[in-house]
């Protein structure tokens, strides 16, 4: 399942994501992963969350990001939630490519894993391939 938290820069997306992460820690019986570029979220979330910095793993672009997520899921069968802060910092602002990534990730995870992204864009800017995942 894919969920998007959208809005322009400074609208509180990261705060919502942090709250969602900390709620997932209370509710999940599996592993929770947080992925971001840099360390904005790192010190605001529970130590129980597996935190990953895309800079450390040299992840740039959507193909590289997809491979990273697929590898995480392949190596750890009990991941229940993945939270991604600032996806456009990782993959770039190609909205169509981002839409393709979301479709691939949705097929990969189905209903077994919830992936939540913060998206620094107004909903009206996004193509239908992305909007379908806004809940």
N, C-alpha and C. Protein backbone atom coordinates (compact mmCIF):
# COMPACT_ATOMS: atom_id res chain seq x y z
N UNK A 1 0.85 -1.17 0.00
CA UNK A 1 0.00 0.00 0.00
C UNK A 1 0.89 1.24 0.00
N UNK A 2 0.56 2.18 -0.83
CA UNK A 2 1.31 3.42 -0.95
C UNK A 2 0.45 4.57 -0.42
N UNK A 3 1.08 5.45 0.34
CA UNK A 3 0.39 6.66 0.83
C UNK A 3 1.32 7.85 0.59
N UNK A 4 0.76 8.95 0.12
CA UNK A 4 1.54 10.16 -0.12
C UNK A 4 1.07 11.28 0.81
N UNK A 5 2.04 11.99 1.36
CA UNK A 5 1.76 13.20 2.13
C UNK A 5 2.29 14.34 1.26
N UNK A 6 1.38 15.12 0.68
CA UNK A 6 1.78 16.15 -0.28
C UNK A 6 1.66 17.55 0.31
N UNK A 7 2.36 18.47 -0.32
CA UNK A 7 2.28 19.88 0.06
C UNK A 7 3.58 20.58 -0.27
N UNK A 8 3.49 21.87 -0.41
CA UNK A 8 4.66 22.68 -0.69
C UNK A 8 5.63 22.65 0.50
N UNK A 9 6.84 23.07 0.26
CA UNK A 9 7.86 23.13 1.31
C UNK A 9 7.35 23.99 2.48
N UNK A 10 7.55 23.49 3.69
CA UNK A 10 7.16 24.25 4.87
C UNK A 10 5.73 24.05 5.32
N UNK A 11 5.03 23.05 4.76
CA UNK A 11 3.63 22.85 5.13
C UNK A 11 3.43 21.78 6.21
N UNK A 12 4.52 21.24 6.77
CA UNK A 12 4.40 20.32 7.88
C UNK A 12 4.38 18.84 7.50
N UNK A 13 4.80 18.51 6.31
CA UNK A 13 4.80 17.11 5.86
C UNK A 13 5.70 16.23 6.73
N UNK A 14 6.89 16.71 7.03
CA UNK A 14 7.83 15.91 7.81
C UNK A 14 7.31 15.67 9.22
N UNK A 15 6.66 16.65 9.81
CA UNK A 15 6.07 16.48 11.14
C UNK A 15 4.99 15.40 11.12
N UNK A 16 4.17 15.41 10.07
CA UNK A 16 3.14 14.37 9.93
C UNK A 16 3.80 13.00 9.79
N UNK A 17 4.87 12.94 8.99
CA UNK A 17 5.59 11.68 8.78
C UNK A 17 6.17 11.17 10.09
N UNK A 18 6.78 12.04 10.87
CA UNK A 18 7.35 11.65 12.16
C UNK A 18 6.27 11.09 13.08
N UNK A 19 5.13 11.76 13.12
CA UNK A 19 4.01 11.27 13.94
C UNK A 19 3.54 9.89 13.45
N UNK A 20 3.46 9.72 12.13
CA UNK A 20 3.06 8.42 11.56
C UNK A 20 4.07 7.33 11.91
N UNK A 21 5.35 7.66 11.85
CA UNK A 21 6.39 6.69 12.19
C UNK A 21 6.25 6.25 13.65
N UNK A 22 6.12 7.21 14.53
CA UNK A 22 6.04 6.89 15.95
C UNK A 22 4.76 6.13 16.29
N UNK A 23 3.68 6.37 15.57
CA UNK A 23 2.45 5.59 15.75
C UNK A 23 2.64 4.16 15.24
N UNK A 24 3.35 4.02 14.11
CA UNK A 24 3.60 2.69 13.55
C UNK A 24 4.44 1.84 14.50
N UNK A 25 5.37 2.47 15.21
CA UNK A 25 6.19 1.75 16.19
C UNK A 25 5.30 1.11 17.25
N UNK A 26 4.28 1.82 17.67
CA UNK A 26 3.37 1.31 18.70
C UNK A 26 2.49 0.17 18.17
N UNK A 27 2.14 0.24 16.88
CA UNK A 27 1.16 -0.69 16.32
C UNK A 27 1.76 -1.90 15.61
N UNK A 28 2.98 -1.81 15.15
CA UNK A 28 3.56 -2.86 14.32
C UNK A 28 4.18 -3.99 15.13
N UNK A 29 4.03 -5.19 14.61
CA UNK A 29 4.70 -6.36 15.19
C UNK A 29 5.91 -6.75 14.35
N UNK A 30 6.23 -5.93 13.35
CA UNK A 30 7.36 -6.22 12.47
C UNK A 30 8.38 -5.10 12.50
N UNK A 31 9.13 -5.01 11.43
CA UNK A 31 10.18 -3.99 11.32
C UNK A 31 9.68 -2.76 10.59
N UNK A 32 10.19 -1.61 11.00
CA UNK A 32 9.84 -0.33 10.39
C UNK A 32 11.13 0.31 9.90
N UNK A 33 11.07 0.87 8.68
CA UNK A 33 12.24 1.48 8.07
C UNK A 33 11.91 2.92 7.70
N UNK A 34 12.86 3.81 7.94
CA UNK A 34 12.75 5.20 7.52
C UNK A 34 13.92 5.50 6.58
N UNK A 35 13.61 6.03 5.40
CA UNK A 35 14.61 6.35 4.40
C UNK A 35 14.55 7.84 4.12
N UNK A 36 15.71 8.49 4.13
CA UNK A 36 15.77 9.91 3.79
C UNK A 36 17.16 10.25 3.27
N UNK A 37 17.27 11.40 2.67
CA UNK A 37 18.57 11.92 2.23
C UNK A 37 19.00 12.92 3.29
N UNK A 38 20.05 12.59 4.04
CA UNK A 38 20.47 13.43 5.16
C UNK A 38 19.95 12.84 6.46
N UNK A 39 19.79 13.70 7.47
CA UNK A 39 19.36 13.19 8.78
C UNK A 39 18.34 14.10 9.45
N UNK A 40 17.40 14.61 8.68
CA UNK A 40 16.37 15.50 9.22
C UNK A 40 15.49 14.79 10.25
N UNK A 41 15.10 13.57 9.94
CA UNK A 41 14.13 12.83 10.75
C UNK A 41 14.80 11.98 11.83
N UNK A 42 16.02 11.62 11.62
CA UNK A 42 16.73 10.61 12.43
C UNK A 42 16.55 10.75 13.94
N UNK A 43 16.71 11.93 14.46
CA UNK A 43 16.70 12.11 15.91
C UNK A 43 15.31 12.38 16.48
N UNK A 44 14.29 12.37 15.61
CA UNK A 44 12.92 12.60 16.06
C UNK A 44 12.09 11.33 16.08
N UNK A 45 12.69 10.21 15.73
CA UNK A 45 11.95 8.95 15.67
C UNK A 45 12.52 7.95 16.67
N UNK A 46 11.73 6.94 16.92
CA UNK A 46 12.12 5.89 17.87
C UNK A 46 13.38 5.17 17.40
N UNK A 47 14.17 4.73 18.35
CA UNK A 47 15.38 3.96 18.04
C UNK A 47 15.05 2.58 17.50
N UNK A 48 13.81 2.17 17.61
CA UNK A 48 13.37 0.88 17.10
C UNK A 48 13.25 0.87 15.57
N UNK A 49 13.26 2.05 14.98
CA UNK A 49 13.11 2.19 13.53
C UNK A 49 14.47 2.07 12.86
N UNK A 50 14.54 1.27 11.81
CA UNK A 50 15.78 1.15 11.02
C UNK A 50 15.86 2.38 10.14
N UNK A 51 16.83 3.25 10.41
CA UNK A 51 16.98 4.50 9.67
C UNK A 51 18.06 4.33 8.61
N UNK A 52 17.79 4.81 7.38
CA UNK A 52 18.73 4.69 6.27
C UNK A 52 18.90 6.04 5.58
N UNK A 53 20.13 6.44 5.38
CA UNK A 53 20.46 7.68 4.67
C UNK A 53 20.87 7.30 3.25
N UNK A 54 20.15 7.79 2.26
CA UNK A 54 20.43 7.44 0.87
C UNK A 54 21.80 7.94 0.42
N UNK A 55 22.32 8.96 1.06
CA UNK A 55 23.67 9.43 0.71
C UNK A 55 24.72 8.39 1.06
N UNK A 56 24.55 7.73 2.17
CA UNK A 56 25.49 6.69 2.61
C UNK A 56 25.54 5.54 1.60
N UNK A 57 24.38 5.19 1.05
CA UNK A 57 24.30 4.08 0.10
C UNK A 57 24.43 4.54 -1.35
N UNK A 58 24.68 5.83 -1.56
CA UNK A 58 24.86 6.42 -2.90
C UNK A 58 23.66 6.15 -3.81
N UNK A 59 22.47 6.38 -3.29
CA UNK A 59 21.23 6.17 -4.03
C UNK A 59 20.82 7.48 -4.68
N UNK A 60 20.77 7.47 -6.00
CA UNK A 60 20.31 8.64 -6.76
C UNK A 60 19.45 8.14 -7.90
N UNK A 61 18.31 8.72 -8.08
CA UNK A 61 17.40 8.33 -9.15
C UNK A 61 16.41 7.27 -8.70
N UNK A 62 15.35 7.15 -9.49
CA UNK A 62 14.27 6.24 -9.11
C UNK A 62 14.61 4.77 -9.32
N UNK A 63 15.41 4.45 -10.33
CA UNK A 63 15.80 3.05 -10.55
C UNK A 63 16.65 2.55 -9.37
N UNK A 64 17.59 3.36 -8.94
CA UNK A 64 18.44 3.01 -7.81
C UNK A 64 17.60 2.89 -6.53
N UNK A 65 16.66 3.80 -6.35
CA UNK A 65 15.80 3.77 -5.17
C UNK A 65 14.94 2.50 -5.16
N UNK A 66 14.38 2.14 -6.31
CA UNK A 66 13.57 0.93 -6.40
C UNK A 66 14.41 -0.29 -6.01
N UNK A 67 15.61 -0.39 -6.54
CA UNK A 67 16.48 -1.51 -6.21
C UNK A 67 16.79 -1.58 -4.73
N UNK A 68 16.98 -0.42 -4.11
CA UNK A 68 17.26 -0.36 -2.67
C UNK A 68 16.06 -0.90 -1.87
N UNK A 69 14.87 -0.44 -2.22
CA UNK A 69 13.67 -0.88 -1.50
C UNK A 69 13.43 -2.37 -1.74
N UNK A 70 13.60 -2.83 -2.97
CA UNK A 70 13.42 -4.25 -3.27
C UNK A 70 14.42 -5.09 -2.46
N UNK A 71 15.65 -4.60 -2.35
CA UNK A 71 16.66 -5.30 -1.56
C UNK A 71 16.31 -5.34 -0.08
N UNK A 72 15.80 -4.24 0.43
CA UNK A 72 15.36 -4.23 1.84
C UNK A 72 14.30 -5.29 2.08
N UNK A 73 13.31 -5.31 1.19
CA UNK A 73 12.20 -6.25 1.36
C UNK A 73 12.64 -7.70 1.17
N UNK A 74 13.58 -7.91 0.26
CA UNK A 74 14.08 -9.27 0.02
C UNK A 74 14.89 -9.80 1.20
N UNK A 75 15.58 -8.89 1.88
CA UNK A 75 16.45 -9.33 2.97
C UNK A 75 15.75 -9.36 4.33
N UNK A 76 14.58 -8.77 4.42
CA UNK A 76 13.88 -8.71 5.69
C UNK A 76 12.39 -8.91 5.45
N UNK A 77 11.92 -10.12 5.65
CA UNK A 77 10.54 -10.49 5.34
C UNK A 77 9.50 -9.87 6.27
N UNK A 78 9.93 -9.34 7.41
CA UNK A 78 8.94 -8.84 8.36
C UNK A 78 8.81 -7.32 8.39
N UNK A 79 9.26 -6.64 7.33
CA UNK A 79 9.05 -5.20 7.25
C UNK A 79 7.56 -4.93 7.04
N UNK A 80 6.99 -4.10 7.89
CA UNK A 80 5.57 -3.75 7.77
C UNK A 80 5.36 -2.34 7.23
N UNK A 81 6.32 -1.45 7.51
CA UNK A 81 6.18 -0.05 7.12
C UNK A 81 7.51 0.50 6.64
N UNK A 82 7.46 1.29 5.56
CA UNK A 82 8.62 2.04 5.09
C UNK A 82 8.18 3.48 4.94
N UNK A 83 8.94 4.39 5.53
CA UNK A 83 8.64 5.81 5.47
C UNK A 83 9.78 6.51 4.72
N UNK A 84 9.42 7.34 3.75
CA UNK A 84 10.42 8.01 2.92
C UNK A 84 10.18 9.51 2.99
N UNK A 85 11.17 10.23 3.49
CA UNK A 85 11.07 11.68 3.59
C UNK A 85 11.83 12.33 2.44
N UNK A 86 11.15 13.18 1.69
CA UNK A 86 11.79 13.95 0.63
C UNK A 86 12.18 13.13 -0.59
N UNK A 87 11.22 12.44 -1.18
CA UNK A 87 11.52 11.57 -2.32
C UNK A 87 12.11 12.34 -3.49
N UNK A 88 11.74 13.59 -3.69
CA UNK A 88 12.29 14.34 -4.83
C UNK A 88 13.75 14.71 -4.61
N UNK A 89 14.21 14.74 -3.37
CA UNK A 89 15.64 14.93 -3.10
C UNK A 89 16.43 13.69 -3.51
N UNK A 90 15.79 12.56 -3.49
CA UNK A 90 16.43 11.29 -3.82
C UNK A 90 16.35 11.00 -5.31
N UNK A 91 15.15 11.13 -5.87
CA UNK A 91 14.93 10.71 -7.26
C UNK A 91 14.87 11.81 -8.29
N UNK A 92 14.67 13.04 -7.85
CA UNK A 92 14.52 14.15 -8.79
C UNK A 92 13.05 14.50 -8.98
N UNK A 93 12.80 15.58 -9.71
CA UNK A 93 11.44 16.09 -9.88
C UNK A 93 10.76 15.63 -11.16
N UNK A 94 11.13 14.51 -11.68
CA UNK A 94 10.45 13.96 -12.86
C UNK A 94 9.19 13.24 -12.38
N UNK A 95 8.07 13.95 -12.43
CA UNK A 95 6.83 13.42 -11.88
C UNK A 95 6.38 12.13 -12.58
N UNK A 96 6.59 12.04 -13.88
CA UNK A 96 6.19 10.84 -14.61
C UNK A 96 7.01 9.63 -14.16
N UNK A 97 8.31 9.82 -13.99
CA UNK A 97 9.16 8.72 -13.50
C UNK A 97 8.78 8.33 -12.08
N UNK A 98 8.42 9.32 -11.28
CA UNK A 98 7.98 9.03 -9.92
C UNK A 98 6.69 8.21 -9.95
N UNK A 99 5.78 8.56 -10.85
CA UNK A 99 4.54 7.79 -11.00
C UNK A 99 4.83 6.34 -11.37
N UNK A 100 5.79 6.12 -12.26
CA UNK A 100 6.17 4.75 -12.65
C UNK A 100 6.75 4.00 -11.45
N UNK A 101 7.56 4.69 -10.66
CA UNK A 101 8.11 4.07 -9.45
C UNK A 101 7.00 3.62 -8.51
N UNK A 102 6.02 4.48 -8.31
CA UNK A 102 4.92 4.15 -7.39
C UNK A 102 4.17 2.91 -7.86
N UNK A 103 3.92 2.81 -9.15
CA UNK A 103 3.22 1.64 -9.69
C UNK A 103 4.04 0.37 -9.43
N UNK A 104 5.35 0.44 -9.69
CA UNK A 104 6.21 -0.72 -9.46
C UNK A 104 6.25 -1.11 -7.98
N UNK A 105 6.37 -0.11 -7.11
CA UNK A 105 6.41 -0.40 -5.67
C UNK A 105 5.08 -0.97 -5.18
N UNK A 106 3.99 -0.48 -5.73
CA UNK A 106 2.68 -0.98 -5.34
C UNK A 106 2.53 -2.46 -5.71
N UNK A 107 3.04 -2.83 -6.88
CA UNK A 107 3.01 -4.23 -7.30
C UNK A 107 3.92 -5.07 -6.40
N UNK A 108 5.07 -4.52 -6.04
CA UNK A 108 6.05 -5.23 -5.22
C UNK A 108 5.52 -5.50 -3.81
N UNK A 109 4.86 -4.52 -3.23
CA UNK A 109 4.45 -4.63 -1.82
C UNK A 109 3.01 -5.08 -1.63
N UNK A 110 2.14 -4.76 -2.56
CA UNK A 110 0.72 -5.10 -2.40
C UNK A 110 0.17 -4.50 -1.12
N UNK A 111 -0.56 -5.32 -0.40
CA UNK A 111 -1.14 -4.88 0.88
C UNK A 111 -0.26 -5.27 2.07
N UNK A 112 0.84 -5.98 1.80
CA UNK A 112 1.68 -6.49 2.88
C UNK A 112 2.52 -5.42 3.56
N UNK A 113 2.97 -4.43 2.79
CA UNK A 113 3.86 -3.40 3.32
C UNK A 113 3.28 -2.03 2.98
N UNK A 114 3.29 -1.16 3.95
CA UNK A 114 2.81 0.21 3.75
C UNK A 114 4.03 1.09 3.51
N UNK A 115 4.02 1.85 2.39
CA UNK A 115 5.10 2.80 2.11
C UNK A 115 4.49 4.20 2.10
N UNK A 116 5.04 5.07 2.92
CA UNK A 116 4.56 6.45 3.03
C UNK A 116 5.67 7.39 2.55
N UNK A 117 5.31 8.29 1.63
CA UNK A 117 6.26 9.26 1.08
C UNK A 117 5.82 10.68 1.43
N UNK A 118 6.79 11.56 1.71
CA UNK A 118 6.49 12.98 1.69
C UNK A 118 6.85 13.48 0.30
N UNK A 119 5.95 14.27 -0.28
CA UNK A 119 6.10 14.76 -1.64
C UNK A 119 5.99 16.28 -1.61
N UNK A 120 7.10 16.96 -1.91
CA UNK A 120 7.12 18.43 -1.88
C UNK A 120 6.57 19.00 -3.18
N UNK A 121 5.27 18.90 -3.32
CA UNK A 121 4.58 19.44 -4.48
C UNK A 121 3.10 19.57 -4.13
N UNK A 122 2.47 20.54 -4.73
CA UNK A 122 1.04 20.69 -4.56
C UNK A 122 0.34 19.58 -5.35
N UNK A 123 -0.73 19.08 -4.84
CA UNK A 123 -1.45 18.00 -5.51
C UNK A 123 -1.81 18.35 -6.95
N UNK A 124 -2.12 19.61 -7.22
CA UNK A 124 -2.51 20.03 -8.56
C UNK A 124 -1.36 19.93 -9.57
N UNK A 125 -0.11 19.90 -9.10
CA UNK A 125 1.05 19.79 -9.99
C UNK A 125 1.31 18.37 -10.45
N UNK A 126 0.76 17.40 -9.75
CA UNK A 126 1.11 16.00 -9.97
C UNK A 126 0.25 15.35 -11.04
N UNK A 127 0.84 14.43 -11.83
CA UNK A 127 0.07 13.72 -12.84
C UNK A 127 -0.83 12.65 -12.20
N UNK A 128 -1.76 12.14 -12.96
CA UNK A 128 -2.68 11.13 -12.46
C UNK A 128 -1.97 9.88 -11.95
N UNK A 129 -0.83 9.54 -12.59
CA UNK A 129 -0.08 8.35 -12.17
C UNK A 129 0.40 8.47 -10.72
N UNK A 130 0.54 9.70 -10.25
CA UNK A 130 0.94 9.94 -8.86
C UNK A 130 -0.29 10.18 -7.99
N UNK A 131 -1.24 10.96 -8.49
CA UNK A 131 -2.43 11.31 -7.70
C UNK A 131 -3.22 10.10 -7.23
N UNK A 132 -3.18 9.01 -7.99
CA UNK A 132 -3.96 7.83 -7.60
C UNK A 132 -3.53 7.25 -6.25
N UNK A 133 -2.34 7.64 -5.78
CA UNK A 133 -1.83 7.12 -4.51
C UNK A 133 -2.04 8.08 -3.34
N UNK A 134 -2.64 9.23 -3.59
CA UNK A 134 -2.93 10.18 -2.52
C UNK A 134 -4.18 9.70 -1.80
N UNK A 135 -4.05 9.51 -0.50
CA UNK A 135 -5.18 8.99 0.29
C UNK A 135 -5.52 9.93 1.41
